Every structure is written in C-alpha cells, then in structure tokens.
N, C-alpha and C. Protein backbone atom coordinates (compact mmCIF):
# COMPACT_ATOMS: atom_id res chain seq x y z
N MET A 1 98.16 105.29 100.16
CA MET A 1 97.27 104.15 100.04
C MET A 1 97.44 103.31 101.30
N GLY A 2 96.36 102.99 101.94
CA GLY A 2 96.41 102.23 103.17
C GLY A 2 96.04 100.77 102.98
N ILE A 3 96.84 99.91 103.55
CA ILE A 3 96.58 98.47 103.56
C ILE A 3 96.39 98.09 105.03
N PRO A 4 95.15 97.96 105.48
CA PRO A 4 94.89 97.81 106.92
C PRO A 4 94.98 96.39 107.47
N PHE A 5 96.00 95.67 107.06
CA PHE A 5 96.18 94.29 107.52
C PHE A 5 97.60 94.12 108.04
N CYS A 6 97.75 93.32 109.07
CA CYS A 6 99.04 93.01 109.69
C CYS A 6 99.06 91.55 110.09
N PRO A 7 100.27 91.00 110.29
CA PRO A 7 100.33 89.61 110.76
C PRO A 7 99.72 89.45 112.15
N THR A 8 99.98 90.43 113.02
CA THR A 8 99.41 90.45 114.37
C THR A 8 99.08 91.90 114.70
N ARG A 9 98.34 92.10 115.74
CA ARG A 9 98.01 93.45 116.20
C ARG A 9 99.00 93.81 117.31
N CYS A 10 99.85 94.79 117.07
CA CYS A 10 100.85 95.20 118.05
C CYS A 10 100.19 95.96 119.20
N ALA A 11 100.74 95.82 120.38
CA ALA A 11 100.16 96.41 121.59
C ALA A 11 100.07 97.93 121.51
N TYR A 12 100.98 98.58 120.83
CA TYR A 12 101.04 100.04 120.79
C TYR A 12 100.27 100.66 119.62
N CYS A 13 99.79 99.86 118.70
CA CYS A 13 99.27 100.37 117.43
C CYS A 13 97.98 101.17 117.59
N SER A 14 97.94 102.33 116.94
CA SER A 14 96.73 103.16 116.94
C SER A 14 96.13 103.27 115.54
N PHE A 15 96.71 102.56 114.57
CA PHE A 15 96.22 102.61 113.20
C PHE A 15 95.01 101.69 113.03
N VAL A 16 94.24 101.99 112.02
CA VAL A 16 93.13 101.11 111.66
C VAL A 16 93.77 99.92 110.94
N SER A 17 93.80 98.79 111.61
CA SER A 17 94.38 97.59 111.01
C SER A 17 93.81 96.37 111.71
N ASN A 18 93.91 95.26 111.01
CA ASN A 18 93.40 94.00 111.54
C ASN A 18 94.45 92.92 111.37
N SER A 19 94.47 92.00 112.31
CA SER A 19 95.32 90.83 112.17
C SER A 19 94.82 90.04 110.97
N VAL A 20 95.72 89.77 110.04
CA VAL A 20 95.32 89.06 108.82
C VAL A 20 94.79 87.67 109.16
N GLU A 21 95.26 87.12 110.25
CA GLU A 21 94.77 85.81 110.69
C GLU A 21 93.26 85.86 110.96
N LYS A 22 92.80 86.97 111.55
CA LYS A 22 91.39 87.12 111.87
C LYS A 22 90.57 87.68 110.72
N SER A 23 91.23 88.33 109.78
CA SER A 23 90.48 89.02 108.72
C SER A 23 90.91 88.61 107.32
N PHE A 24 91.52 87.45 107.18
CA PHE A 24 92.01 86.99 105.88
C PHE A 24 90.92 87.05 104.80
N HIS A 25 89.69 86.73 105.17
CA HIS A 25 88.58 86.72 104.22
C HIS A 25 88.25 88.12 103.69
N LEU A 26 88.76 89.16 104.31
CA LEU A 26 88.48 90.53 103.88
C LEU A 26 89.52 91.10 102.91
N VAL A 27 90.66 90.42 102.78
CA VAL A 27 91.75 90.98 101.97
C VAL A 27 91.33 91.15 100.51
N GLU A 28 90.84 90.11 99.87
CA GLU A 28 90.48 90.22 98.45
C GLU A 28 89.35 91.22 98.22
N PRO A 29 88.25 91.20 99.01
CA PRO A 29 87.24 92.24 98.82
C PRO A 29 87.79 93.65 99.02
N TYR A 30 88.71 93.81 99.96
CA TYR A 30 89.32 95.12 100.17
C TYR A 30 90.12 95.54 98.94
N LEU A 31 90.90 94.62 98.38
CA LEU A 31 91.70 94.94 97.19
C LEU A 31 90.81 95.26 96.00
N GLU A 32 89.69 94.59 95.88
CA GLU A 32 88.74 94.89 94.80
C GLU A 32 88.18 96.31 94.98
N ALA A 33 87.85 96.68 96.20
CA ALA A 33 87.36 98.04 96.47
C ALA A 33 88.45 99.07 96.20
N LEU A 34 89.68 98.71 96.55
CA LEU A 34 90.81 99.60 96.31
C LEU A 34 91.03 99.81 94.81
N ASP A 35 90.84 98.77 94.01
CA ASP A 35 90.92 98.91 92.54
C ASP A 35 89.93 99.97 92.06
N ARG A 36 88.71 99.91 92.56
CA ARG A 36 87.69 100.89 92.16
C ARG A 36 88.09 102.30 92.61
N GLU A 37 88.65 102.40 93.80
CA GLU A 37 89.09 103.70 94.30
C GLU A 37 90.25 104.25 93.47
N ILE A 38 91.17 103.38 93.07
CA ILE A 38 92.28 103.80 92.20
C ILE A 38 91.73 104.36 90.89
N ASP A 39 90.78 103.64 90.30
CA ASP A 39 90.18 104.11 89.05
C ASP A 39 89.54 105.48 89.23
N SER A 40 88.80 105.64 90.30
CA SER A 40 88.10 106.90 90.57
C SER A 40 89.09 108.04 90.80
N ALA A 41 90.09 107.80 91.64
CA ALA A 41 91.08 108.84 91.94
C ALA A 41 91.89 109.20 90.70
N ALA A 42 92.23 108.21 89.89
CA ALA A 42 92.99 108.47 88.67
C ALA A 42 92.17 109.34 87.71
N GLY A 43 90.88 109.06 87.60
CA GLY A 43 90.01 109.88 86.76
C GLY A 43 89.98 111.32 87.23
N MET A 44 89.89 111.51 88.52
CA MET A 44 89.86 112.85 89.10
C MET A 44 91.18 113.58 88.84
N VAL A 45 92.30 112.88 89.04
CA VAL A 45 93.62 113.48 88.82
C VAL A 45 93.76 113.91 87.36
N LYS A 46 93.35 113.05 86.44
CA LYS A 46 93.43 113.38 85.01
C LYS A 46 92.52 114.55 84.67
N GLU A 47 91.30 114.52 85.17
CA GLU A 47 90.33 115.58 84.89
C GLU A 47 90.82 116.95 85.37
N LEU A 48 91.50 116.98 86.51
CA LEU A 48 91.98 118.24 87.08
C LEU A 48 93.37 118.62 86.57
N GLY A 49 93.98 117.75 85.76
CA GLY A 49 95.31 118.04 85.21
C GLY A 49 96.41 118.01 86.25
N LEU A 50 96.24 117.19 87.26
CA LEU A 50 97.24 117.08 88.32
C LEU A 50 98.31 116.05 87.96
N ARG A 51 99.46 116.13 88.66
CA ARG A 51 100.52 115.15 88.48
C ARG A 51 100.90 114.57 89.84
N VAL A 52 101.10 113.29 89.87
CA VAL A 52 101.51 112.63 91.12
C VAL A 52 103.00 112.86 91.31
N LYS A 53 103.36 113.37 92.51
CA LYS A 53 104.78 113.63 92.81
C LYS A 53 105.35 112.63 93.80
N SER A 54 104.47 112.03 94.62
CA SER A 54 104.94 111.01 95.56
C SER A 54 103.83 110.00 95.79
N PHE A 55 104.26 108.82 96.12
CA PHE A 55 103.32 107.75 96.42
C PHE A 55 103.80 107.04 97.67
N TYR A 56 102.87 106.81 98.61
CA TYR A 56 103.20 106.12 99.85
C TYR A 56 102.13 105.08 100.12
N MET A 57 102.56 103.85 100.27
CA MET A 57 101.66 102.77 100.66
C MET A 57 102.03 102.36 102.07
N GLY A 58 101.10 102.59 102.99
CA GLY A 58 101.33 102.27 104.39
C GLY A 58 100.29 101.31 104.92
N GLY A 59 100.20 101.26 106.20
CA GLY A 59 99.32 100.25 106.75
C GLY A 59 98.67 100.67 108.04
N GLY A 60 98.50 99.62 108.67
CA GLY A 60 98.86 98.22 108.67
C GLY A 60 100.26 97.96 108.12
N THR A 61 100.35 96.83 107.50
CA THR A 61 101.61 96.35 106.92
C THR A 61 101.35 95.88 105.49
N PRO A 62 101.64 96.73 104.49
CA PRO A 62 101.37 96.35 103.11
C PRO A 62 102.02 95.03 102.68
N THR A 63 103.18 94.71 103.24
CA THR A 63 103.85 93.47 102.85
C THR A 63 103.20 92.23 103.47
N THR A 64 102.08 92.42 104.16
CA THR A 64 101.25 91.28 104.57
C THR A 64 100.59 90.67 103.34
N LEU A 65 100.37 91.50 102.31
CA LEU A 65 99.81 90.98 101.05
C LEU A 65 100.78 89.99 100.45
N THR A 66 100.26 89.09 99.63
CA THR A 66 101.13 88.17 98.91
C THR A 66 101.87 88.93 97.82
N ALA A 67 102.92 88.36 97.30
CA ALA A 67 103.65 88.97 96.19
C ALA A 67 102.72 89.20 95.01
N GLU A 68 101.87 88.24 94.72
CA GLU A 68 100.94 88.36 93.59
C GLU A 68 99.95 89.50 93.83
N GLN A 69 99.44 89.64 95.03
CA GLN A 69 98.50 90.72 95.34
C GLN A 69 99.17 92.08 95.23
N MET A 70 100.39 92.20 95.74
CA MET A 70 101.12 93.46 95.64
C MET A 70 101.41 93.80 94.19
N ASP A 71 101.81 92.81 93.41
CA ASP A 71 102.12 93.02 91.99
C ASP A 71 100.88 93.51 91.25
N ARG A 72 99.75 92.88 91.52
CA ARG A 72 98.49 93.26 90.89
C ARG A 72 98.09 94.69 91.28
N LEU A 73 98.20 95.02 92.56
CA LEU A 73 97.82 96.33 93.06
C LEU A 73 98.74 97.43 92.51
N LEU A 74 100.04 97.22 92.59
CA LEU A 74 100.98 98.22 92.09
C LEU A 74 100.90 98.35 90.58
N GLY A 75 100.63 97.25 89.90
CA GLY A 75 100.43 97.30 88.45
C GLY A 75 99.22 98.13 88.09
N ARG A 76 98.15 97.94 88.82
CA ARG A 76 96.91 98.71 88.59
C ARG A 76 97.18 100.20 88.80
N LEU A 77 97.93 100.51 89.84
CA LEU A 77 98.28 101.89 90.13
C LEU A 77 99.03 102.52 88.96
N SER A 78 100.03 101.83 88.44
CA SER A 78 100.82 102.41 87.34
C SER A 78 100.06 102.42 86.02
N GLU A 79 99.08 101.55 85.87
CA GLU A 79 98.22 101.60 84.68
C GLU A 79 97.33 102.83 84.70
N GLN A 80 96.85 103.20 85.87
CA GLN A 80 95.86 104.27 85.99
C GLN A 80 96.47 105.66 86.20
N PHE A 81 97.65 105.73 86.78
CA PHE A 81 98.29 107.01 87.06
C PHE A 81 99.57 107.15 86.25
N ASP A 82 99.86 108.37 85.85
CA ASP A 82 101.16 108.68 85.25
C ASP A 82 102.14 108.87 86.40
N LEU A 83 103.01 107.91 86.60
CA LEU A 83 103.95 107.97 87.72
C LEU A 83 105.34 108.42 87.27
N SER A 84 105.44 108.89 86.04
CA SER A 84 106.76 109.27 85.50
C SER A 84 107.40 110.43 86.25
N GLY A 85 106.60 111.26 86.92
CA GLY A 85 107.14 112.39 87.66
C GLY A 85 107.28 112.14 89.15
N VAL A 86 107.06 110.91 89.58
CA VAL A 86 107.13 110.59 91.01
C VAL A 86 108.57 110.68 91.50
N LEU A 87 108.77 111.45 92.55
CA LEU A 87 110.10 111.62 93.13
C LEU A 87 110.41 110.55 94.17
N GLU A 88 109.38 110.09 94.86
CA GLU A 88 109.57 109.03 95.85
C GLU A 88 108.37 108.11 95.80
N HIS A 89 108.66 106.84 95.65
CA HIS A 89 107.63 105.79 95.56
C HIS A 89 107.91 104.83 96.70
N THR A 90 107.19 105.00 97.81
CA THR A 90 107.51 104.29 99.05
C THR A 90 106.48 103.24 99.39
N VAL A 91 106.96 102.10 99.87
CA VAL A 91 106.10 101.08 100.45
C VAL A 91 106.64 100.76 101.84
N GLU A 92 105.75 100.88 102.82
CA GLU A 92 106.12 100.55 104.19
C GLU A 92 106.13 99.03 104.32
N ALA A 93 107.28 98.51 104.68
CA ALA A 93 107.44 97.08 104.89
C ALA A 93 107.87 96.89 106.34
N GLY A 94 107.05 97.39 107.23
CA GLY A 94 107.42 97.52 108.62
C GLY A 94 107.71 96.25 109.37
N ARG A 95 107.28 95.15 108.86
CA ARG A 95 107.46 93.90 109.60
C ARG A 95 108.38 92.97 108.82
N PRO A 96 109.60 92.77 109.31
CA PRO A 96 110.54 91.89 108.61
C PRO A 96 110.00 90.47 108.40
N ASP A 97 109.07 90.05 109.26
CA ASP A 97 108.50 88.71 109.13
C ASP A 97 107.50 88.62 107.98
N THR A 98 107.28 89.73 107.24
CA THR A 98 106.38 89.70 106.08
C THR A 98 107.12 89.93 104.77
N ILE A 99 108.43 90.12 104.86
CA ILE A 99 109.21 90.47 103.68
C ILE A 99 109.95 89.25 103.15
N THR A 100 109.80 89.03 101.85
CA THR A 100 110.52 87.94 101.18
C THR A 100 111.26 88.51 99.98
N GLU A 101 112.19 87.73 99.47
CA GLU A 101 112.90 88.15 98.26
C GLU A 101 111.92 88.37 97.12
N GLU A 102 110.94 87.49 96.99
CA GLU A 102 109.94 87.63 95.92
C GLU A 102 109.18 88.95 96.04
N LYS A 103 108.78 89.31 97.24
CA LYS A 103 108.05 90.57 97.44
C LYS A 103 108.95 91.77 97.14
N LEU A 104 110.20 91.72 97.55
CA LEU A 104 111.12 92.81 97.26
C LEU A 104 111.33 92.95 95.76
N ARG A 105 111.38 91.85 95.05
CA ARG A 105 111.52 91.91 93.58
C ARG A 105 110.27 92.52 92.94
N VAL A 106 109.10 92.21 93.47
CA VAL A 106 107.85 92.81 92.99
C VAL A 106 107.90 94.32 93.19
N LEU A 107 108.34 94.77 94.35
CA LEU A 107 108.42 96.20 94.63
C LEU A 107 109.38 96.88 93.66
N ARG A 108 110.51 96.28 93.46
CA ARG A 108 111.53 96.85 92.55
C ARG A 108 110.98 96.93 91.13
N ARG A 109 110.37 95.85 90.69
CA ARG A 109 109.83 95.77 89.32
C ARG A 109 108.73 96.82 89.09
N ASN A 110 108.02 97.19 90.15
CA ASN A 110 106.93 98.15 90.04
C ASN A 110 107.35 99.58 90.36
N GLY A 111 108.64 99.84 90.36
CA GLY A 111 109.13 101.21 90.48
C GLY A 111 109.25 101.77 91.88
N VAL A 112 109.12 100.93 92.89
CA VAL A 112 109.27 101.41 94.26
C VAL A 112 110.72 101.83 94.47
N THR A 113 110.91 103.04 95.00
CA THR A 113 112.27 103.57 95.20
C THR A 113 112.68 103.60 96.67
N ARG A 114 111.72 103.37 97.55
CA ARG A 114 112.03 103.40 98.99
C ARG A 114 111.18 102.36 99.70
N VAL A 115 111.85 101.55 100.51
CA VAL A 115 111.17 100.56 101.33
C VAL A 115 111.50 100.89 102.78
N SER A 116 110.47 101.02 103.59
CA SER A 116 110.66 101.33 105.00
C SER A 116 110.54 100.05 105.81
N ILE A 117 111.67 99.58 106.33
CA ILE A 117 111.68 98.39 107.20
C ILE A 117 111.82 98.92 108.62
N ASN A 118 110.76 98.76 109.40
CA ASN A 118 110.70 99.39 110.71
C ASN A 118 110.45 98.37 111.81
N PRO A 119 111.48 98.00 112.54
CA PRO A 119 111.30 96.99 113.58
C PRO A 119 110.67 97.51 114.87
N GLN A 120 110.58 98.83 115.03
CA GLN A 120 110.13 99.51 116.26
C GLN A 120 111.21 99.49 117.33
N THR A 121 111.91 98.39 117.47
CA THR A 121 113.00 98.28 118.46
C THR A 121 113.91 97.13 118.02
N MET A 122 115.13 97.18 118.49
CA MET A 122 116.06 96.08 118.22
C MET A 122 116.28 95.24 119.48
N ASN A 123 115.38 95.36 120.43
CA ASN A 123 115.43 94.57 121.65
C ASN A 123 114.42 93.43 121.51
N ASP A 124 114.90 92.21 121.43
CA ASP A 124 114.03 91.06 121.18
C ASP A 124 112.96 90.86 122.25
N GLU A 125 113.28 91.14 123.49
CA GLU A 125 112.29 90.99 124.57
C GLU A 125 111.15 92.01 124.38
N THR A 126 111.51 93.23 124.03
CA THR A 126 110.49 94.25 123.77
C THR A 126 109.64 93.86 122.57
N LEU A 127 110.27 93.36 121.52
CA LEU A 127 109.52 92.90 120.34
C LEU A 127 108.48 91.86 120.75
N ARG A 128 108.89 90.91 121.56
CA ARG A 128 107.97 89.87 122.02
C ARG A 128 106.81 90.47 122.82
N ARG A 129 107.14 91.38 123.72
CA ARG A 129 106.12 91.98 124.59
C ARG A 129 105.09 92.82 123.83
N ILE A 130 105.51 93.45 122.75
CA ILE A 130 104.58 94.30 122.01
C ILE A 130 103.81 93.54 120.93
N GLY A 131 104.13 92.24 120.78
CA GLY A 131 103.36 91.42 119.86
C GLY A 131 103.95 91.29 118.47
N ARG A 132 105.22 91.61 118.32
CA ARG A 132 105.87 91.46 117.02
C ARG A 132 106.46 90.06 116.94
N ASP A 133 106.15 89.35 115.88
CA ASP A 133 106.63 87.96 115.73
C ASP A 133 107.89 87.88 114.89
N HIS A 134 108.88 88.70 115.24
CA HIS A 134 110.17 88.65 114.55
C HIS A 134 111.26 89.04 115.55
N THR A 135 112.49 88.85 115.13
CA THR A 135 113.63 89.18 115.98
C THR A 135 114.43 90.32 115.36
N SER A 136 115.32 90.88 116.14
CA SER A 136 116.20 91.93 115.62
C SER A 136 117.12 91.36 114.54
N ALA A 137 117.51 90.10 114.67
CA ALA A 137 118.35 89.46 113.64
C ALA A 137 117.59 89.38 112.31
N GLN A 138 116.29 89.11 112.34
CA GLN A 138 115.49 89.08 111.11
C GLN A 138 115.44 90.47 110.48
N THR A 139 115.36 91.49 111.30
CA THR A 139 115.35 92.86 110.78
C THR A 139 116.65 93.14 110.04
N GLU A 140 117.76 92.79 110.65
CA GLU A 140 119.06 93.01 110.01
C GLU A 140 119.20 92.23 108.71
N SER A 141 118.82 90.96 108.71
CA SER A 141 118.98 90.16 107.48
C SER A 141 118.03 90.64 106.38
N THR A 142 116.84 91.08 106.76
CA THR A 142 115.90 91.61 105.77
C THR A 142 116.41 92.92 105.18
N PHE A 143 116.95 93.78 106.03
CA PHE A 143 117.54 95.02 105.55
C PHE A 143 118.66 94.74 104.55
N LEU A 144 119.53 93.80 104.89
CA LEU A 144 120.65 93.47 103.99
C LEU A 144 120.15 92.89 102.67
N LEU A 145 119.10 92.08 102.72
CA LEU A 145 118.52 91.53 101.49
C LEU A 145 117.93 92.65 100.62
N ALA A 146 117.21 93.59 101.25
CA ALA A 146 116.64 94.71 100.50
C ALA A 146 117.75 95.55 99.85
N ARG A 147 118.79 95.79 100.59
CA ARG A 147 119.92 96.57 100.04
C ARG A 147 120.55 95.81 98.87
N GLU A 148 120.76 94.52 99.04
CA GLU A 148 121.37 93.70 97.99
C GLU A 148 120.53 93.72 96.70
N LEU A 149 119.21 93.73 96.85
CA LEU A 149 118.32 93.72 95.68
C LEU A 149 118.09 95.11 95.10
N GLY A 150 118.69 96.11 95.73
CA GLY A 150 118.61 97.47 95.18
C GLY A 150 117.44 98.26 95.66
C-alpha cells in the first residue's frame, strides 16, 4: 500500500510522492480513495480464495499521516482482510521527524510487526543537503523509542 506523502521532497527521491506541505488538501481524498481500493481488493482476494501472507505500507512516508488517519486506515485493512496468516506486517517509517509515541502505539495496536526507520545516512550535513529535516540523533532516539514500545 503506497502513501505518497512526505514532510519534504528529498533530493534523491524517485518515488511518486508529494510534500505534505504542498499537498495537504489531497491527503483525505486520497485516503477515501484508498478505502474504496481496500474494499475492492479484499473482495477480489475473498472471491479467489487467496490469503494475505505479508503486508507492506510504504511511501512516500506513511508516518506523515496523523495517528488518527493511520489508525483508521489500518483498522479498515484488518476489517476487510483476514490478516491472521500474515507473517510480516510492515510499515515504512522512514523519517524520524514523522514518528511519535502515539503513532508507534497505533502501529502496535494494529498488528504491525516491523517498522522500518530509515535515515538514509547518519551524517547530519548530508541529511541537510538532501532535504531531510531531522538529525542522526533523532534517528537514534526514535529507534530506541520504537524498540522500547515493542
């Protein structure tokens, strides 16, 4: 599942994504369309007798969404799909500047088993040059918080 929004557009990025600052008005309509797509895909999976074995939510940066938006989206997913056989339930949380304790709790509560925190580099000057609005220290503290919350 793709969430094409990020806090900023990184210089190296080749993904379809938009700075949430410039496209904030598109987030809710996108999530509404995604709800319809979840319903449609779930119907197809049920009709064909398939089982979901893995789930990956990437981006952009999915943790750009608010905790409430993520909770609603992941809740919709688990309502529509049988996720009992999922071996890995991953959410890419690539930007430490978008991760909060509340969001991590939402992920945990919704069955996420893997969170990918990806700073791209631990060199603060490089982070600044590529357009990332966080530091290597934020990456470390966010990682420790995620580990502490399980």
